[in-house]
Amino acid sequence: MSIQSDDQPEKSTHLTHLDDHGNIHMVDVTDRPETVREAIAHGRVRMQAATLKLIENNQIAKGSVLEVAKIAGIMAAKQTPQIIPLCHPLPMTHIDLQFTIDSAAGLIFIEGRTRTNYKTGVDVEALTAVTVAALTIYDMCKGVDTTITLEQAYIAEKSGGKSGTVRFHPN
């Protein structure tokens, strides 16, 4: 794996959600400037080739799998602070999910993009969108395929704020 940062800010040596006494707290972002912050998360779902064919041909009994997964991912990103206790509620300005099917490998690749103009990043929201979309695919297809696995959810890129642009490339 490799991590590349366009800017090399000094990294913190402490956990930001702990105060000086080790108590959990929500990070205070009051004095941070508002900047455009973006994140791209990737994930994938592995399944049998026959299940992918059913998805591609819109033959799953519960409906259009990728459309429902997209809506679920968008809704989940907007609700991230409701399920991740120390996340800030953010004014989301953009959320999108795209799906790419690789029939030969038995994979659906998911890319989630989030954006805001605020004081803290949207990386957890992008990960939430991708993982809930993957869970939705699983839920909609589990009746025809018991081998479905959710794999490799990660932040591929994030930008904005003091860290600048950071890209992650798994090996």
N, C-alpha and C. Protein backbone atom coordinates (compact mmCIF):
# COMPACT_ATOMS: atom_id res chain seq x y z
N MET A 1 0.84 -1.17 0.00
CA MET A 1 0.00 0.00 0.00
C MET A 1 0.88 1.23 0.00
N SER A 2 0.39 2.28 -0.57
CA SER A 2 1.15 3.53 -0.57
C SER A 2 0.20 4.70 -0.34
N ILE A 3 0.72 5.69 0.35
CA ILE A 3 -0.03 6.91 0.60
C ILE A 3 0.79 8.06 0.06
N GLN A 4 0.16 8.90 -0.73
CA GLN A 4 0.84 10.04 -1.33
C GLN A 4 0.10 11.30 -0.92
N SER A 5 0.84 12.28 -0.46
CA SER A 5 0.25 13.55 -0.10
C SER A 5 0.90 14.64 -0.93
N ASP A 6 0.06 15.48 -1.54
CA ASP A 6 0.60 16.59 -2.34
C ASP A 6 1.24 17.63 -1.44
N ASP A 7 0.67 17.82 -0.26
CA ASP A 7 1.25 18.71 0.74
C ASP A 7 1.74 17.81 1.86
N GLN A 8 2.81 18.16 2.52
CA GLN A 8 3.33 17.34 3.60
C GLN A 8 3.19 18.07 4.93
N PRO A 9 1.98 18.23 5.45
CA PRO A 9 1.82 18.90 6.74
C PRO A 9 2.36 18.02 7.85
N GLU A 10 2.66 18.64 8.96
CA GLU A 10 3.13 17.90 10.11
C GLU A 10 1.97 17.05 10.64
N LYS A 11 2.21 15.77 10.83
CA LYS A 11 1.17 14.86 11.31
C LYS A 11 1.05 14.93 12.82
N SER A 12 -0.18 14.81 13.30
CA SER A 12 -0.44 14.80 14.72
C SER A 12 0.07 13.49 15.31
N THR A 13 0.56 13.54 16.52
CA THR A 13 1.03 12.33 17.20
C THR A 13 0.04 11.84 18.24
N HIS A 14 -1.13 12.47 18.33
CA HIS A 14 -2.13 12.04 19.29
C HIS A 14 -3.47 11.81 18.60
N LEU A 15 -4.31 11.04 19.26
CA LEU A 15 -5.65 10.79 18.73
C LEU A 15 -6.52 12.01 18.95
N THR A 16 -7.12 12.51 17.89
CA THR A 16 -7.86 13.77 17.98
C THR A 16 -9.15 13.68 18.78
N HIS A 17 -9.68 12.49 18.96
CA HIS A 17 -10.93 12.35 19.71
C HIS A 17 -10.70 12.08 21.19
N LEU A 18 -9.46 12.28 21.65
CA LEU A 18 -9.15 12.17 23.08
C LEU A 18 -8.58 13.49 23.55
N ASP A 19 -9.03 13.94 24.72
CA ASP A 19 -8.47 15.19 25.26
C ASP A 19 -7.15 14.89 25.99
N ASP A 20 -6.57 15.88 26.63
CA ASP A 20 -5.28 15.72 27.29
C ASP A 20 -5.32 14.72 28.44
N HIS A 21 -6.50 14.39 28.92
CA HIS A 21 -6.65 13.46 30.03
C HIS A 21 -7.13 12.08 29.56
N GLY A 22 -7.21 11.89 28.25
CA GLY A 22 -7.64 10.61 27.70
C GLY A 22 -9.14 10.42 27.62
N ASN A 23 -9.90 11.48 27.81
CA ASN A 23 -11.36 11.41 27.73
C ASN A 23 -11.82 11.64 26.30
N ILE A 24 -12.84 10.91 25.91
CA ILE A 24 -13.39 11.04 24.56
C ILE A 24 -14.12 12.37 24.45
N HIS A 25 -13.93 13.03 23.30
CA HIS A 25 -14.66 14.28 23.03
C HIS A 25 -14.77 14.47 21.52
N MET A 26 -15.72 15.28 21.12
CA MET A 26 -15.87 15.65 19.72
C MET A 26 -14.87 16.76 19.43
N VAL A 27 -14.14 16.66 18.34
CA VAL A 27 -13.14 17.65 17.99
C VAL A 27 -13.81 19.01 17.78
N ASP A 28 -13.23 20.04 18.35
CA ASP A 28 -13.75 21.40 18.20
C ASP A 28 -13.20 22.00 16.90
N VAL A 29 -14.07 22.24 15.94
CA VAL A 29 -13.65 22.79 14.65
C VAL A 29 -14.04 24.26 14.49
N THR A 30 -14.44 24.88 15.58
CA THR A 30 -14.94 26.25 15.54
C THR A 30 -14.00 27.20 14.82
N ASP A 31 -12.71 27.13 15.10
CA ASP A 31 -11.75 28.08 14.55
C ASP A 31 -11.16 27.68 13.19
N ARG A 32 -11.55 26.54 12.68
CA ARG A 32 -11.04 26.11 11.38
C ARG A 32 -11.71 26.90 10.26
N PRO A 33 -10.98 27.17 9.19
CA PRO A 33 -11.61 27.85 8.05
C PRO A 33 -12.47 26.87 7.25
N GLU A 34 -13.50 27.40 6.65
CA GLU A 34 -14.31 26.58 5.74
C GLU A 34 -13.57 26.48 4.42
N THR A 35 -13.41 25.25 3.94
CA THR A 35 -12.79 25.02 2.63
C THR A 35 -13.60 23.93 1.92
N VAL A 36 -13.42 23.84 0.62
CA VAL A 36 -14.04 22.75 -0.13
C VAL A 36 -13.28 21.48 0.23
N ARG A 37 -14.01 20.50 0.69
CA ARG A 37 -13.42 19.22 1.09
C ARG A 37 -14.12 18.12 0.32
N GLU A 38 -13.30 17.24 -0.21
CA GLU A 38 -13.83 16.14 -1.02
C GLU A 38 -13.18 14.83 -0.59
N ALA A 39 -13.91 13.75 -0.83
CA ALA A 39 -13.36 12.42 -0.56
C ALA A 39 -13.89 11.44 -1.60
N ILE A 40 -13.04 10.49 -1.93
CA ILE A 40 -13.41 9.40 -2.82
C ILE A 40 -13.11 8.10 -2.09
N ALA A 41 -14.12 7.26 -1.94
CA ALA A 41 -13.94 5.95 -1.31
C ALA A 41 -14.19 4.87 -2.35
N HIS A 42 -13.48 3.77 -2.20
CA HIS A 42 -13.66 2.61 -3.07
C HIS A 42 -14.02 1.40 -2.22
N GLY A 43 -14.74 0.51 -2.81
CA GLY A 43 -15.07 -0.77 -2.19
C GLY A 43 -15.47 -1.74 -3.28
N ARG A 44 -15.62 -2.98 -2.90
CA ARG A 44 -16.06 -3.95 -3.90
C ARG A 44 -16.85 -5.07 -3.24
N VAL A 45 -17.68 -5.69 -4.05
CA VAL A 45 -18.52 -6.80 -3.62
C VAL A 45 -18.23 -7.96 -4.57
N ARG A 46 -17.89 -9.11 -3.99
CA ARG A 46 -17.59 -10.31 -4.80
C ARG A 46 -18.76 -11.27 -4.72
N MET A 47 -19.10 -11.88 -5.87
CA MET A 47 -20.21 -12.82 -5.92
C MET A 47 -20.06 -13.76 -7.10
N GLN A 48 -20.97 -14.69 -7.20
CA GLN A 48 -20.96 -15.63 -8.32
C GLN A 48 -21.31 -14.92 -9.62
N ALA A 49 -20.74 -15.41 -10.71
CA ALA A 49 -20.99 -14.83 -12.03
C ALA A 49 -22.49 -14.84 -12.36
N ALA A 50 -23.19 -15.89 -11.97
CA ALA A 50 -24.62 -15.99 -12.26
C ALA A 50 -25.40 -14.87 -11.55
N THR A 51 -24.97 -14.50 -10.36
CA THR A 51 -25.63 -13.42 -9.63
C THR A 51 -25.39 -12.09 -10.33
N LEU A 52 -24.17 -11.86 -10.81
CA LEU A 52 -23.88 -10.64 -11.56
C LEU A 52 -24.76 -10.55 -12.81
N LYS A 53 -24.97 -11.66 -13.47
CA LYS A 53 -25.83 -11.66 -14.66
C LYS A 53 -27.26 -11.24 -14.29
N LEU A 54 -27.75 -11.76 -13.17
CA LEU A 54 -29.09 -11.38 -12.72
C LEU A 54 -29.17 -9.88 -12.45
N ILE A 55 -28.12 -9.34 -11.83
CA ILE A 55 -28.09 -7.89 -11.54
C ILE A 55 -28.07 -7.11 -12.85
N GLU A 56 -27.18 -7.51 -13.76
CA GLU A 56 -27.06 -6.80 -15.05
C GLU A 56 -28.35 -6.83 -15.85
N ASN A 57 -29.09 -7.93 -15.76
CA ASN A 57 -30.34 -8.09 -16.51
C ASN A 57 -31.57 -7.67 -15.71
N ASN A 58 -31.34 -7.04 -14.55
CA ASN A 58 -32.42 -6.55 -13.69
C ASN A 58 -33.42 -7.66 -13.37
N GLN A 59 -32.88 -8.84 -12.97
CA GLN A 59 -33.73 -9.99 -12.69
C GLN A 59 -33.71 -10.40 -11.21
N ILE A 60 -33.22 -9.53 -10.34
CA ILE A 60 -33.29 -9.81 -8.90
C ILE A 60 -34.70 -9.44 -8.44
N ALA A 61 -35.34 -10.33 -7.72
CA ALA A 61 -36.76 -10.16 -7.35
C ALA A 61 -37.02 -8.87 -6.57
N LYS A 62 -36.04 -8.41 -5.79
CA LYS A 62 -36.27 -7.22 -4.96
C LYS A 62 -36.20 -5.92 -5.74
N GLY A 63 -35.76 -5.96 -7.01
CA GLY A 63 -35.73 -4.74 -7.81
C GLY A 63 -34.36 -4.45 -8.40
N SER A 64 -34.19 -3.23 -8.86
CA SER A 64 -32.96 -2.78 -9.50
C SER A 64 -31.86 -2.61 -8.44
N VAL A 65 -30.99 -3.58 -8.33
CA VAL A 65 -30.01 -3.65 -7.25
C VAL A 65 -29.13 -2.41 -7.19
N LEU A 66 -28.56 -2.01 -8.30
CA LEU A 66 -27.61 -0.89 -8.26
C LEU A 66 -28.30 0.45 -8.03
N GLU A 67 -29.51 0.61 -8.51
CA GLU A 67 -30.24 1.85 -8.23
C GLU A 67 -30.60 1.96 -6.75
N VAL A 68 -31.07 0.86 -6.18
CA VAL A 68 -31.41 0.87 -4.76
C VAL A 68 -30.14 1.07 -3.92
N ALA A 69 -29.04 0.42 -4.31
CA ALA A 69 -27.77 0.57 -3.58
C ALA A 69 -27.27 2.02 -3.64
N LYS A 70 -27.45 2.65 -4.79
CA LYS A 70 -27.04 4.05 -4.92
C LYS A 70 -27.84 4.95 -3.99
N ILE A 71 -29.14 4.78 -3.97
CA ILE A 71 -29.99 5.58 -3.08
C ILE A 71 -29.63 5.31 -1.62
N ALA A 72 -29.42 4.05 -1.28
CA ALA A 72 -29.06 3.69 0.11
C ALA A 72 -27.74 4.34 0.51
N GLY A 73 -26.76 4.32 -0.39
CA GLY A 73 -25.47 4.93 -0.09
C GLY A 73 -25.55 6.44 0.10
N ILE A 74 -26.33 7.09 -0.74
CA ILE A 74 -26.53 8.54 -0.61
C ILE A 74 -27.22 8.86 0.72
N MET A 75 -28.27 8.13 1.03
CA MET A 75 -28.97 8.35 2.29
C MET A 75 -28.05 8.12 3.49
N ALA A 76 -27.24 7.08 3.42
CA ALA A 76 -26.34 6.74 4.52
C ALA A 76 -25.30 7.83 4.74
N ALA A 77 -24.73 8.36 3.65
CA ALA A 77 -23.73 9.43 3.79
C ALA A 77 -24.32 10.61 4.53
N LYS A 78 -25.57 10.95 4.23
CA LYS A 78 -26.22 12.08 4.89
C LYS A 78 -26.50 11.81 6.36
N GLN A 79 -26.58 10.55 6.74
CA GLN A 79 -26.90 10.17 8.12
C GLN A 79 -25.68 9.73 8.93
N THR A 80 -24.49 9.89 8.39
CA THR A 80 -23.28 9.41 9.07
C THR A 80 -23.19 9.84 10.54
N PRO A 81 -23.44 11.10 10.90
CA PRO A 81 -23.33 11.46 12.32
C PRO A 81 -24.33 10.74 13.23
N GLN A 82 -25.37 10.17 12.64
CA GLN A 82 -26.35 9.42 13.44
C GLN A 82 -25.83 8.05 13.84
N ILE A 83 -24.84 7.53 13.09
CA ILE A 83 -24.34 6.18 13.38
C ILE A 83 -22.87 6.14 13.81
N ILE A 84 -22.12 7.19 13.54
CA ILE A 84 -20.73 7.30 13.98
C ILE A 84 -20.71 8.42 15.02
N PRO A 85 -20.59 8.08 16.29
CA PRO A 85 -20.87 9.04 17.37
C PRO A 85 -20.11 10.36 17.34
N LEU A 86 -18.86 10.40 16.94
CA LEU A 86 -18.09 11.63 17.05
C LEU A 86 -17.94 12.38 15.72
N CYS A 87 -18.70 11.97 14.71
CA CYS A 87 -18.69 12.69 13.43
C CYS A 87 -19.55 13.95 13.55
N HIS A 88 -19.08 15.01 12.91
CA HIS A 88 -19.83 16.25 12.88
C HIS A 88 -20.96 16.16 11.84
N PRO A 89 -22.11 16.75 12.13
CA PRO A 89 -23.12 16.87 11.08
C PRO A 89 -22.61 17.88 10.05
N LEU A 90 -22.65 17.52 8.80
CA LEU A 90 -22.06 18.35 7.74
C LEU A 90 -23.11 18.77 6.72
N PRO A 91 -22.94 19.96 6.17
CA PRO A 91 -23.79 20.36 5.05
C PRO A 91 -23.24 19.74 3.76
N MET A 92 -23.71 18.55 3.44
CA MET A 92 -23.22 17.85 2.25
C MET A 92 -23.67 18.59 1.00
N THR A 93 -22.72 18.88 0.11
CA THR A 93 -23.07 19.57 -1.13
C THR A 93 -23.09 18.64 -2.32
N HIS A 94 -22.49 17.44 -2.16
CA HIS A 94 -22.49 16.47 -3.28
C HIS A 94 -22.24 15.08 -2.72
N ILE A 95 -23.02 14.12 -3.19
CA ILE A 95 -22.81 12.70 -2.89
C ILE A 95 -23.15 11.94 -4.16
N ASP A 96 -22.25 11.06 -4.58
CA ASP A 96 -22.53 10.25 -5.77
C ASP A 96 -21.88 8.89 -5.61
N LEU A 97 -22.51 7.89 -6.18
CA LEU A 97 -21.95 6.54 -6.22
C LEU A 97 -22.00 6.03 -7.65
N GLN A 98 -20.93 5.35 -8.05
CA GLN A 98 -20.86 4.73 -9.37
C GLN A 98 -20.47 3.26 -9.19
N PHE A 99 -21.00 2.41 -10.04
CA PHE A 99 -20.76 0.97 -9.96
C PHE A 99 -20.17 0.49 -11.28
N THR A 100 -19.17 -0.36 -11.19
CA THR A 100 -18.56 -0.98 -12.36
C THR A 100 -18.57 -2.48 -12.14
N ILE A 101 -19.12 -3.21 -13.10
CA ILE A 101 -19.19 -4.66 -12.99
C ILE A 101 -18.05 -5.29 -13.77
N ASP A 102 -17.34 -6.21 -13.11
CA ASP A 102 -16.30 -7.01 -13.74
C ASP A 102 -16.77 -8.46 -13.69
N SER A 103 -17.47 -8.88 -14.75
CA SER A 103 -18.07 -10.22 -14.77
C SER A 103 -17.04 -11.32 -14.65
N ALA A 104 -15.89 -11.15 -15.31
CA ALA A 104 -14.86 -12.19 -15.28
C ALA A 104 -14.32 -12.42 -13.86
N ALA A 105 -14.21 -11.36 -13.09
CA ALA A 105 -13.68 -11.47 -11.72
C ALA A 105 -14.78 -11.69 -10.69
N GLY A 106 -16.05 -11.56 -11.10
CA GLY A 106 -17.16 -11.71 -10.16
C GLY A 106 -17.25 -10.56 -9.18
N LEU A 107 -16.97 -9.34 -9.65
CA LEU A 107 -16.90 -8.18 -8.77
C LEU A 107 -17.78 -7.03 -9.22
N ILE A 108 -18.29 -6.32 -8.24
CA ILE A 108 -18.88 -5.00 -8.47
C ILE A 108 -17.98 -4.02 -7.73
N PHE A 109 -17.39 -3.10 -8.46
CA PHE A 109 -16.57 -2.05 -7.86
C PHE A 109 -17.49 -0.87 -7.57
N ILE A 110 -17.31 -0.29 -6.39
CA ILE A 110 -18.13 0.85 -5.97
C ILE A 110 -17.21 2.03 -5.72
N GLU A 111 -17.57 3.18 -6.28
CA GLU A 111 -16.86 4.42 -5.99
C GLU A 111 -17.86 5.41 -5.44
N GLY A 112 -17.54 5.95 -4.27
CA GLY A 112 -18.38 6.97 -3.65
C GLY A 112 -17.62 8.28 -3.57
N ARG A 113 -18.29 9.38 -3.95
CA ARG A 113 -17.69 10.72 -3.89
C ARG A 113 -18.56 11.62 -3.04
N THR A 114 -17.91 12.34 -2.14
CA THR A 114 -18.62 13.27 -1.27
C THR A 114 -17.91 14.62 -1.30
N ARG A 115 -18.70 15.68 -1.06
CA ARG A 115 -18.12 17.03 -1.07
C ARG A 115 -18.91 17.92 -0.12
N THR A 116 -18.20 18.86 0.49
CA THR A 116 -18.81 19.90 1.31
C THR A 116 -17.93 21.13 1.26
N ASN A 117 -18.46 22.22 1.71
CA ASN A 117 -17.67 23.43 1.95
C ASN A 117 -17.83 23.69 3.44
N TYR A 118 -16.90 23.12 4.21
CA TYR A 118 -17.07 23.18 5.66
C TYR A 118 -15.71 23.10 6.36
N LYS A 119 -15.73 22.91 7.65
CA LYS A 119 -14.54 22.96 8.50
C LYS A 119 -13.90 21.61 8.77
N THR A 120 -14.53 20.55 8.34
CA THR A 120 -13.98 19.22 8.55
C THR A 120 -14.34 18.35 7.35
N GLY A 121 -13.59 17.25 7.18
CA GLY A 121 -13.67 16.45 5.97
C GLY A 121 -14.88 15.55 5.85
N VAL A 122 -15.01 14.96 4.68
CA VAL A 122 -16.15 14.10 4.35
C VAL A 122 -15.71 12.67 4.03
N ASP A 123 -14.55 12.26 4.55
CA ASP A 123 -14.05 10.92 4.26
C ASP A 123 -14.89 9.82 4.91
N VAL A 124 -15.33 10.01 6.14
CA VAL A 124 -16.15 8.99 6.78
C VAL A 124 -17.50 8.88 6.06
N GLU A 125 -18.00 9.99 5.57
CA GLU A 125 -19.26 9.97 4.80
C GLU A 125 -19.10 9.19 3.50
N ALA A 126 -17.96 9.34 2.83
CA ALA A 126 -17.71 8.58 1.59
C ALA A 126 -17.61 7.09 1.89
N LEU A 127 -16.90 6.73 2.97
CA LEU A 127 -16.81 5.32 3.36
C LEU A 127 -18.17 4.76 3.76
N THR A 128 -18.95 5.56 4.45
CA THR A 128 -20.29 5.12 4.84
C THR A 128 -21.14 4.86 3.60
N ALA A 129 -21.07 5.75 2.63
CA ALA A 129 -21.84 5.57 1.40
C ALA A 129 -21.47 4.27 0.70
N VAL A 130 -20.18 4.02 0.57
CA VAL A 130 -19.71 2.82 -0.14
C VAL A 130 -20.08 1.55 0.62
N THR A 131 -19.89 1.55 1.93
CA THR A 131 -20.16 0.31 2.67
C THR A 131 -21.66 0.03 2.76
N VAL A 132 -22.48 1.05 2.90
CA VAL A 132 -23.93 0.82 2.92
C VAL A 132 -24.42 0.39 1.54
N ALA A 133 -23.86 0.94 0.48
CA ALA A 133 -24.21 0.48 -0.87
C ALA A 133 -23.85 -1.00 -1.02
N ALA A 134 -22.67 -1.39 -0.52
CA ALA A 134 -22.24 -2.79 -0.58
C ALA A 134 -23.18 -3.68 0.24
N LEU A 135 -23.54 -3.23 1.44
CA LEU A 135 -24.48 -3.98 2.27
C LEU A 135 -25.84 -4.13 1.59
N THR A 136 -26.26 -3.11 0.87
CA THR A 136 -27.54 -3.16 0.16
C THR A 136 -27.49 -4.19 -0.96
N ILE A 137 -26.37 -4.22 -1.69
CA ILE A 137 -26.20 -5.24 -2.73
C ILE A 137 -26.30 -6.62 -2.11
N TYR A 138 -25.58 -6.80 -1.00
CA TYR A 138 -25.64 -8.09 -0.30
C TYR A 138 -27.08 -8.43 0.08
N ASP A 139 -27.77 -7.49 0.73
CA ASP A 139 -29.13 -7.74 1.19
C ASP A 139 -30.07 -8.10 0.04
N MET A 140 -29.95 -7.41 -1.07
CA MET A 140 -30.85 -7.65 -2.19
C MET A 140 -30.57 -8.96 -2.92
N CYS A 141 -29.34 -9.48 -2.79
CA CYS A 141 -28.94 -10.66 -3.56
C CYS A 141 -28.70 -11.91 -2.71
N LYS A 142 -28.76 -11.79 -1.40
CA LYS A 142 -28.42 -12.92 -0.53
C LYS A 142 -29.34 -14.13 -0.73
N GLY A 143 -30.54 -13.89 -1.21
CA GLY A 143 -31.47 -14.99 -1.45
C GLY A 143 -31.07 -15.89 -2.61
N VAL A 144 -30.23 -15.38 -3.53
CA VAL A 144 -29.80 -16.18 -4.68
C VAL A 144 -28.31 -16.53 -4.63
N ASP A 145 -27.58 -15.95 -3.67
CA ASP A 145 -26.13 -16.19 -3.61
C ASP A 145 -25.65 -16.08 -2.16
N THR A 146 -25.26 -17.22 -1.60
CA THR A 146 -24.78 -17.23 -0.21
C THR A 146 -23.27 -17.00 -0.13
N THR A 147 -22.61 -16.74 -1.25
CA THR A 147 -21.15 -16.57 -1.25
C THR A 147 -20.71 -15.11 -1.32
N ILE A 148 -21.65 -14.18 -1.30
CA ILE A 148 -21.32 -12.75 -1.47
C ILE A 148 -20.42 -12.28 -0.33
N THR A 149 -19.35 -11.56 -0.70
CA THR A 149 -18.46 -10.97 0.30
C THR A 149 -18.26 -9.49 -0.01
N LEU A 150 -18.14 -8.70 1.06
CA LEU A 150 -17.82 -7.28 0.94
C LEU A 150 -16.32 -7.16 1.15
N GLU A 151 -15.63 -6.43 0.27
CA GLU A 151 -14.17 -6.40 0.30
C GLU A 151 -13.62 -5.00 0.18
N GLN A 152 -12.52 -4.78 0.83
CA GLN A 152 -11.58 -3.68 0.59
C GLN A 152 -12.22 -2.30 0.46
N ALA A 153 -12.93 -1.87 1.48
CA ALA A 153 -13.43 -0.49 1.49
C ALA A 153 -12.33 0.41 2.04
N TYR A 154 -12.04 1.50 1.33
CA TYR A 154 -10.97 2.40 1.75
C TYR A 154 -11.15 3.78 1.12
N ILE A 155 -10.49 4.78 1.70
CA ILE A 155 -10.46 6.11 1.12
C ILE A 155 -9.37 6.13 0.06
N ALA A 156 -9.74 6.39 -1.17
CA ALA A 156 -8.78 6.46 -2.26
C ALA A 156 -8.14 7.83 -2.37
N GLU A 157 -8.92 8.86 -2.01
CA GLU A 157 -8.41 10.23 -2.10
C GLU A 157 -9.26 11.13 -1.22
N LYS A 158 -8.59 12.12 -0.62
CA LYS A 158 -9.33 13.17 0.07
C LYS A 158 -8.56 14.47 -0.09
N SER A 159 -9.31 15.57 -0.08
CA SER A 159 -8.67 16.87 -0.27
C SER A 159 -9.42 17.93 0.51
N GLY A 160 -8.71 19.04 0.72
CA GLY A 160 -9.25 20.16 1.48
C GLY A 160 -8.69 20.19 2.88
N GLY A 161 -8.73 21.34 3.49
CA GLY A 161 -8.22 21.45 4.85
C GLY A 161 -6.71 21.47 4.90
N LYS A 162 -6.16 21.33 6.10
CA LYS A 162 -4.71 21.47 6.28
C LYS A 162 -3.91 20.31 5.71
N SER A 163 -4.53 19.15 5.49
CA SER A 163 -3.79 18.00 4.95
C SER A 163 -3.59 18.07 3.45
N GLY A 164 -4.29 18.97 2.78
CA GLY A 164 -4.17 19.05 1.32
C GLY A 164 -4.79 17.83 0.68
N THR A 165 -4.22 17.39 -0.43
CA THR A 165 -4.72 16.21 -1.14
C THR A 165 -3.90 15.00 -0.75
N VAL A 166 -4.60 13.94 -0.35
CA VAL A 166 -3.96 12.69 0.02
C VAL A 166 -4.57 11.59 -0.81
N ARG A 167 -3.73 10.76 -1.42
CA ARG A 167 -4.19 9.64 -2.24
C ARG A 167 -3.65 8.33 -1.65
N PHE A 168 -4.50 7.32 -1.65
CA PHE A 168 -4.13 6.01 -1.13
C PHE A 168 -4.26 5.01 -2.26
N HIS A 169 -3.23 4.20 -2.44
CA HIS A 169 -3.22 3.18 -3.50
C HIS A 169 -2.89 1.84 -2.88
N PRO A 170 -3.89 0.95 -2.74
CA PRO A 170 -3.59 -0.39 -2.18
C PRO A 170 -2.80 -1.20 -3.20
N ASN A 171 -1.97 -2.08 -2.70
CA ASN A 171 -1.20 -2.96 -3.61
C ASN A 171 -2.00 -4.19 -3.93
